[in-house]
């Protein structure tokens, strides 16, 4: 039921062509067959295989999938069957990318005022006669950084 919900293929389609339905988007026959051989080798060696890949639904839309296939067997080396766990991780990957963009943006936004502060401290050492101007700019930069940090904390707490 979960496989039909995730992929759009019916239970009958899974029963009749199950392996072929797992072909990653854009994978040719030769690469798919090599991938199947790699899965078989991993199952023999370790008893399981796992990987993330982009799969295609029945409606041709694509999604990021995390797959784990485990060997189910009796006494070695016989195999009774295989257990496949497929998860749609598209949302998780999108959230991870969003987080990475946010961290990069926040880092940039904090790096700029820190660089400004370091420059002002350097200039203050070289030109102490401009103390009032440097202190005013340092106060403005410090206030900007305080505001940025408060916004980050509000976001982390889920405050609007």
Protein backbone atom coordinates (compact mmCIF):
# COMPACT_ATOMS: atom_id res chain seq x y z
CA UNK A 1 0.00 0.00 0.00
CA UNK A 2 2.80 2.42 0.89
CA UNK A 3 4.63 1.63 -2.37
CA UNK A 4 1.52 2.36 -4.40
CA UNK A 5 0.98 5.61 -2.52
CA UNK A 6 4.62 6.75 -2.98
CA UNK A 7 5.06 5.67 -6.60
CA UNK A 8 1.56 5.68 -8.07
CA UNK A 9 1.99 2.14 -9.43
CA UNK A 10 -0.72 -0.36 -8.49
CA UNK A 11 -0.10 -3.54 -6.52
CA UNK A 12 -0.65 -5.54 -9.74
CA UNK A 13 2.01 -3.46 -11.54
CA UNK A 14 4.44 -4.09 -8.68
CA UNK A 15 3.77 -7.83 -8.79
CA UNK A 16 4.27 -8.07 -12.55
CA UNK A 17 7.28 -5.77 -13.09
CA UNK A 18 8.55 -4.85 -9.62
CA UNK A 19 12.28 -4.63 -10.31
CA UNK A 20 11.86 -2.60 -13.49
CA UNK A 21 9.70 -0.06 -11.63
CA UNK A 22 12.72 0.72 -9.43
CA UNK A 23 14.83 1.89 -12.36
CA UNK A 24 16.25 5.31 -11.45
CA UNK A 25 15.18 8.16 -13.69
CA UNK A 26 17.39 8.46 -16.77
CA UNK A 27 19.11 5.09 -16.26
CA UNK A 28 19.64 3.01 -19.40
CA UNK A 29 19.20 -0.77 -19.54
CA UNK A 30 22.90 -1.57 -19.24
CA UNK A 31 23.43 0.67 -16.22
CA UNK A 32 20.27 -0.70 -14.60
CA UNK A 33 21.45 -4.29 -15.07
CA UNK A 34 24.87 -3.41 -13.64
CA UNK A 35 23.14 -1.80 -10.66
CA UNK A 36 21.11 -4.98 -10.14
CA UNK A 37 24.34 -7.02 -10.17
CA UNK A 38 25.85 -4.62 -7.60
CA UNK A 39 22.79 -5.08 -5.38
CA UNK A 40 23.08 -8.87 -5.66
CA UNK A 41 26.77 -8.75 -4.77
CA UNK A 42 26.11 -6.56 -1.71
CA UNK A 43 23.30 -8.86 -0.58
CA UNK A 44 25.60 -11.87 -0.85
CA UNK A 45 28.48 -10.12 0.92
CA UNK A 46 26.71 -8.10 3.61
CA UNK A 47 23.12 -9.27 3.61
CA UNK A 48 21.81 -5.80 2.75
CA UNK A 49 22.17 -2.94 0.25
CA UNK A 50 21.26 0.72 0.69
CA UNK A 51 21.38 3.83 -1.44
CA UNK A 52 19.66 7.10 -2.24
CA UNK A 53 18.56 7.76 -5.80
CA UNK A 54 16.05 9.65 -7.87
CA UNK A 55 13.09 7.50 -8.92
CA UNK A 56 10.18 8.17 -11.21
CA UNK A 57 6.51 7.84 -10.33
CA UNK A 58 3.88 6.50 -12.67
CA UNK A 59 2.88 10.08 -13.54
CA UNK A 60 6.55 10.72 -14.59
CA UNK A 61 7.22 13.02 -11.63
CA UNK A 62 10.48 12.33 -9.86
CA UNK A 63 11.30 11.97 -6.18
CA UNK A 64 14.35 11.33 -4.03
CA UNK A 65 14.22 7.86 -2.54
CA UNK A 66 16.20 6.14 0.17
CA UNK A 67 16.18 2.39 -0.37
CA UNK A 68 17.33 -0.48 1.78
CA UNK A 69 17.11 -4.07 0.59
CA UNK A 70 17.74 -6.84 3.11
CA UNK A 71 18.14 -10.53 2.51
CA UNK A 72 15.58 -12.73 4.25
CA UNK A 73 16.76 -16.27 4.49
CA UNK A 74 16.97 -19.50 6.28
CA UNK A 75 20.27 -21.25 6.77
CA UNK A 76 23.09 -19.96 4.59
CA UNK A 77 23.35 -19.68 1.62
CA UNK A 78 19.64 -20.05 0.86
CA UNK A 79 17.54 -16.93 0.48
CA UNK A 80 13.83 -17.05 1.19
CA UNK A 81 13.20 -13.54 -0.09
CA UNK A 82 14.11 -9.89 0.01
CA UNK A 83 12.70 -7.06 2.06
CA UNK A 84 12.68 -3.65 0.40
CA UNK A 85 12.16 -0.47 2.39
CA UNK A 86 11.61 2.61 0.24
CA UNK A 87 11.24 6.10 1.68
CA UNK A 88 10.47 9.32 -0.14
CA UNK A 89 13.15 11.66 1.23
CA UNK A 90 12.42 14.57 -1.12
CA UNK A 91 11.16 16.82 1.67
CA UNK A 92 14.11 15.96 3.92
CA UNK A 93 16.57 16.79 1.13
CA UNK A 94 14.76 20.04 0.33
CA UNK A 95 14.84 21.03 4.00
CA UNK A 96 18.54 20.18 4.20
CA UNK A 97 19.25 22.36 1.16
CA UNK A 98 17.18 25.18 2.67
CA UNK A 99 19.11 24.85 5.93
CA UNK A 100 22.43 24.97 4.08
CA UNK A 101 21.36 28.12 2.19
CA UNK A 102 20.18 29.70 5.42
CA UNK A 103 23.44 28.94 7.25
CA UNK A 104 25.45 30.33 4.31
CA UNK A 105 23.30 33.49 4.28
CA UNK A 106 23.51 33.94 8.05
CA UNK A 107 27.28 33.40 7.99
CA UNK A 108 27.65 36.01 5.29
CA UNK A 109 25.42 38.45 7.14
CA UNK A 110 27.51 38.04 10.31
CA UNK A 111 30.88 38.01 8.55
CA UNK A 112 30.30 41.45 7.01
CA UNK A 113 29.86 43.33 10.31
CA UNK A 114 32.70 41.36 11.95
CA UNK A 115 35.00 42.42 9.11
CA UNK A 116 33.80 46.00 9.56
CA UNK A 117 34.53 45.81 13.30
CA UNK A 118 38.02 44.44 12.71
CA UNK A 119 38.70 47.21 10.20
CA UNK A 120 37.53 49.87 12.65
CA UNK A 121 39.68 48.42 15.44
CA UNK A 122 42.68 48.44 13.12
CA UNK A 123 41.98 52.05 12.11
CA UNK A 124 41.46 52.99 15.75
CA UNK A 125 44.96 51.72 16.56
CA UNK A 126 46.42 53.63 13.61
CA UNK A 127 44.39 56.83 14.04
CA UNK A 128 43.34 57.24 17.66
CA UNK A 129 42.46 60.88 16.97
CA UNK A 130 39.31 59.64 15.12
CA UNK A 131 38.09 57.81 18.23
CA UNK A 132 34.59 59.32 18.26
CA UNK A 133 33.92 58.35 14.62
CA UNK A 134 35.25 54.82 15.08
CA UNK A 135 33.27 54.26 18.29
CA UNK A 136 30.06 55.46 16.63
CA UNK A 137 30.54 53.04 13.72
CA UNK A 138 31.47 50.20 16.11
CA UNK A 139 28.27 50.83 18.06
CA UNK A 140 26.20 50.74 14.85
CA UNK A 141 27.86 47.52 13.70
CA UNK A 142 27.45 45.94 17.13
CA UNK A 143 23.76 46.86 17.15
CA UNK A 144 23.33 45.36 13.67
CA UNK A 145 24.98 42.12 14.83
CA UNK A 146 22.80 42.03 17.97
CA UNK A 147 19.71 42.42 15.80
CA UNK A 148 20.87 39.63 13.45
CA UNK A 149 21.55 37.26 16.36
CA UNK A 150 18.16 38.03 17.94
CA UNK A 151 16.46 37.29 14.61
CA UNK A 152 18.33 33.99 14.35
CA UNK A 153 17.28 33.05 17.88
CA UNK A 154 13.66 34.01 17.13
CA UNK A 155 13.73 31.80 14.02
CA UNK A 156 15.24 28.88 15.95
CA UNK A 157 12.47 29.16 18.57
CA UNK A 158 9.80 29.43 15.88
CA UNK A 159 8.83 32.98 16.87
CA UNK A 160 7.28 35.08 14.08
